[in-house]
Amino acid sequence: MSSSAVGVDQLAGLVSGLTLESAAEKYPNCYPKSNALDLVRAHIADLLVGITGVDAKIVYPALNWTVGLDKGDFSLAAPALRVKGKKPDELAQQWAEAVGSSPLPRKWS
């Protein structure tokens, strides 16, 4: 087994209820066996689905790669999830705090 496969398997252990296979089945264009960040993206999408109540088919594609690593790994434009009733910056803050319980290492800014 290659060292990258071990890393992906260890990562999969951190995202409860999400496996390499289930992520690929649940989200089109998700290839966690060849790109570990797809598993992270699927995990964040799962968390946001639970927090926002928005359909996974809207959430996953709204999580985009950033243009540079200095900006993090992913970005999400709050209006893309079509949640009404609060300002986008308030929603983004609320979601970032709620996702903060995830065991995956990352920075929120």
C-alpha atoms as a PDB file:
ATOM      1  CA  MET A   1       0.000   0.000   0.000  1.00  0.00           C
ATOM      2  CA  SER A   2       1.376   3.405  -0.925  1.00  0.00           C
ATOM      3  CA  SER A   3       1.926   6.135   1.649  1.00  0.00           C
ATOM      4  CA  SER A   4      -0.721   8.329  -0.017  1.00  0.00           C
ATOM      5  CA  ALA A   5      -3.328   5.556   0.346  1.00  0.00           C
ATOM      6  CA  VAL A   6      -2.544   5.288   4.048  1.00  0.00           C
ATOM      7  CA  GLY A   7      -3.026   9.049   4.392  1.00  0.00           C
ATOM      8  CA  VAL A   8      -6.378   8.942   2.623  1.00  0.00           C
ATOM      9  CA  ASP A   9      -7.535   6.035   4.790  1.00  0.00           C
ATOM     10  CA  GLN A  10      -6.488   7.923   7.917  1.00  0.00           C
ATOM     11  CA  LEU A  11      -8.363  10.968   6.661  1.00  0.00           C
ATOM     12  CA  ALA A  12     -11.439   8.832   6.010  1.00  0.00           C
ATOM     13  CA  GLY A  13     -11.300   7.727   9.648  1.00  0.00           C
ATOM     14  CA  LEU A  14     -11.740  11.341  10.761  1.00  0.00           C
ATOM     15  CA  VAL A  15     -14.956  11.933   8.842  1.00  0.00           C
ATOM     16  CA  SER A  16     -17.539   9.848  10.647  1.00  0.00           C
ATOM     17  CA  GLY A  17     -20.117   8.186   8.450  1.00  0.00           C
ATOM     18  CA  LEU A  18     -18.329   9.094   5.225  1.00  0.00           C
ATOM     19  CA  THR A  19     -16.217   6.573   3.345  1.00  0.00           C
ATOM     20  CA  LEU A  20     -14.265   6.851   0.143  1.00  0.00           C
ATOM     21  CA  GLU A  21     -16.972   4.879  -1.638  1.00  0.00           C
ATOM     22  CA  SER A  22     -19.956   6.711  -0.150  1.00  0.00           C
ATOM     23  CA  ALA A  23     -18.469  10.125  -0.953  1.00  0.00           C
ATOM     24  CA  ALA A  24     -17.922   9.136  -4.574  1.00  0.00           C
ATOM     25  CA  GLU A  25     -21.458   7.733  -4.825  1.00  0.00           C
ATOM     26  CA  LYS A  26     -23.119  10.675  -3.093  1.00  0.00           C
ATOM     27  CA  TYR A  27     -21.405  13.502  -4.951  1.00  0.00           C
ATOM     28  CA  PRO A  28     -20.863  13.584  -8.726  1.00  0.00           C
ATOM     29  CA  ASN A  29     -17.317  14.483  -9.728  1.00  0.00           C
ATOM     30  CA  CYS A  30     -15.991  13.436  -6.310  1.00  0.00           C
ATOM     31  CA  TYR A  31     -12.884  11.214  -6.553  1.00  0.00           C
ATOM     32  CA  PRO A  32     -11.510  10.800  -3.026  1.00  0.00           C
ATOM     33  CA  LYS A  33      -9.364   7.783  -3.930  1.00  0.00           C
ATOM     34  CA  SER A  34      -7.260   9.965  -6.207  1.00  0.00           C
ATOM     35  CA  ASN A  35      -7.747  13.351  -4.513  1.00  0.00           C
ATOM     36  CA  ALA A  36      -7.927  13.396  -0.729  1.00  0.00           C
ATOM     37  CA  LEU A  37      -9.310  16.936  -0.758  1.00  0.00           C
ATOM     38  CA  ASP A  38     -12.453  15.599  -2.423  1.00  0.00           C
ATOM     39  CA  LEU A  39     -13.115  13.644   0.773  1.00  0.00           C
ATOM     40  CA  VAL A  40     -12.632  16.808   2.815  1.00  0.00           C
ATOM     41  CA  ARG A  41     -14.941  18.688   0.426  1.00  0.00           C
ATOM     42  CA  ALA A  42     -17.599  15.954   0.772  1.00  0.00           C
ATOM     43  CA  HIS A  43     -17.272  16.063   4.565  1.00  0.00           C
ATOM     44  CA  ILE A  44     -17.713  19.829   4.662  1.00  0.00           C
ATOM     45  CA  ALA A  45     -20.686  19.498   2.310  1.00  0.00           C
ATOM     46  CA  ASP A  46     -22.254  16.908   4.637  1.00  0.00           C
ATOM     47  CA  LEU A  47     -21.770  19.230   7.614  1.00  0.00           C
ATOM     48  CA  LEU A  48     -23.292  22.169   5.755  1.00  0.00           C
ATOM     49  CA  VAL A  49     -26.271  20.087   4.608  1.00  0.00           C
ATOM     50  CA  GLY A  50     -26.980  19.285   8.263  1.00  0.00           C
ATOM     51  CA  ILE A  51     -26.488  22.869   9.405  1.00  0.00           C
ATOM     52  CA  THR A  52     -28.370  24.642   6.626  1.00  0.00           C
ATOM     53  CA  GLY A  53     -30.947  22.088   5.508  1.00  0.00           C
ATOM     54  CA  VAL A  54     -29.945  22.833   1.911  1.00  0.00           C
ATOM     55  CA  ASP A  55     -29.870  19.895  -0.521  1.00  0.00           C
ATOM     56  CA  ALA A  56     -26.471  18.252  -1.015  1.00  0.00           C
ATOM     57  CA  LYS A  57     -26.807  18.742  -4.781  1.00  0.00           C
ATOM     58  CA  ILE A  58     -26.604  22.497  -4.167  1.00  0.00           C
ATOM     59  CA  VAL A  59     -24.008  22.500  -1.385  1.00  0.00           C
ATOM     60  CA  TYR A  60     -21.271  20.297  -2.878  1.00  0.00           C
ATOM     61  CA  PRO A  61     -20.881  22.219  -6.167  1.00  0.00           C
ATOM     62  CA  ALA A  62     -20.945  25.527  -4.255  1.00  0.00           C
ATOM     63  CA  LEU A  63     -17.743  24.532  -2.412  1.00  0.00           C
ATOM     64  CA  ASN A  64     -15.068  25.755  -4.790  1.00  0.00           C
ATOM     65  CA  TRP A  65     -11.290  25.458  -4.890  1.00  0.00           C
ATOM     66  CA  THR A  66      -9.526  28.689  -4.023  1.00  0.00           C
ATOM     67  CA  VAL A  67      -7.238  30.413  -6.497  1.00  0.00           C
ATOM     68  CA  GLY A  68      -4.274  30.178  -4.147  1.00  0.00           C
ATOM     69  CA  LEU A  69      -3.309  28.181  -1.075  1.00  0.00           C
ATOM     70  CA  ASP A  70      -2.885  31.427   0.860  1.00  0.00           C
ATOM     71  CA  LYS A  71      -6.702  31.689   0.635  1.00  0.00           C
ATOM     72  CA  GLY A  72      -7.301  28.205   2.097  1.00  0.00           C
ATOM     73  CA  ASP A  73      -8.440  25.047   0.335  1.00  0.00           C
ATOM     74  CA  PHE A  74     -12.079  25.884  -0.393  1.00  0.00           C
ATOM     75  CA  SER A  75     -14.352  28.863  -0.596  1.00  0.00           C
ATOM     76  CA  LEU A  76     -18.106  29.139  -0.328  1.00  0.00           C
ATOM     77  CA  ALA A  77     -20.186  32.104  -1.373  1.00  0.00           C
ATOM     78  CA  ALA A  78     -22.975  32.118   1.212  1.00  0.00           C
ATOM     79  CA  PRO A  79     -25.607  33.354  -1.285  1.00  0.00           C
ATOM     80  CA  ALA A  80     -24.952  30.264  -3.427  1.00  0.00           C
ATOM     81  CA  LEU A  81     -26.840  28.147  -0.867  1.00  0.00           C
ATOM     82  CA  ARG A  82     -29.974  30.279  -1.341  1.00  0.00           C
ATOM     83  CA  VAL A  83     -30.783  30.596   2.369  1.00  0.00           C
ATOM     84  CA  LYS A  84     -33.166  33.467   3.038  1.00  0.00           C
ATOM     85  CA  GLY A  85     -33.716  35.555   6.154  1.00  0.00           C
ATOM     86  CA  LYS A  86     -30.203  36.605   7.162  1.00  0.00           C
ATOM     87  CA  LYS A  87     -27.363  38.558   5.652  1.00  0.00           C
ATOM     88  CA  PRO A  88     -24.728  36.416   3.883  1.00  0.00           C
ATOM     89  CA  ASP A  89     -21.949  37.506   6.249  1.00  0.00           C
ATOM     90  CA  GLU A  90     -24.062  36.500   9.265  1.00  0.00           C
ATOM     91  CA  LEU A  91     -24.794  33.113   7.686  1.00  0.00           C
ATOM     92  CA  ALA A  92     -21.138  32.555   6.855  1.00  0.00           C
ATOM     93  CA  GLN A  93     -20.098  33.311  10.447  1.00  0.00           C
ATOM     94  CA  GLN A  94     -22.803  31.028  11.856  1.00  0.00           C
ATOM     95  CA  TRP A  95     -21.842  28.184   9.519  1.00  0.00           C
ATOM     96  CA  ALA A  96     -18.116  28.556  10.213  1.00  0.00           C
ATOM     97  CA  GLU A  97     -18.753  28.317  13.952  1.00  0.00           C
ATOM     98  CA  ALA A  98     -21.003  25.274  13.544  1.00  0.00           C
ATOM     99  CA  VAL A  99     -18.541  23.476  11.276  1.00  0.00           C
ATOM    100  CA  GLY A 100     -15.813  24.176  13.829  1.00  0.00           C
ATOM    101  CA  SER A 101     -16.616  20.926  15.643  1.00  0.00           C
ATOM    102  CA  SER A 102     -15.251  18.883  12.742  1.00  0.00           C
ATOM    103  CA  PRO A 103     -12.139  16.836  13.582  1.00  0.00           C
ATOM    104  CA  LEU A 104     -10.460  17.869  10.330  1.00  0.00           C
ATOM    105  CA  PRO A 105      -7.592  20.321  10.664  1.00  0.00           C
ATOM    106  CA  ARG A 106      -8.161  23.595   8.853  1.00  0.00           C
ATOM    107  CA  LYS A 107      -8.240  27.353   9.250  1.00  0.00           C
ATOM    108  CA  TRP A 108     -11.381  29.459   9.172  1.00  0.00           C
ATOM    109  CA  SER A 109     -10.881  33.132   8.566  1.00  0.00           C
END
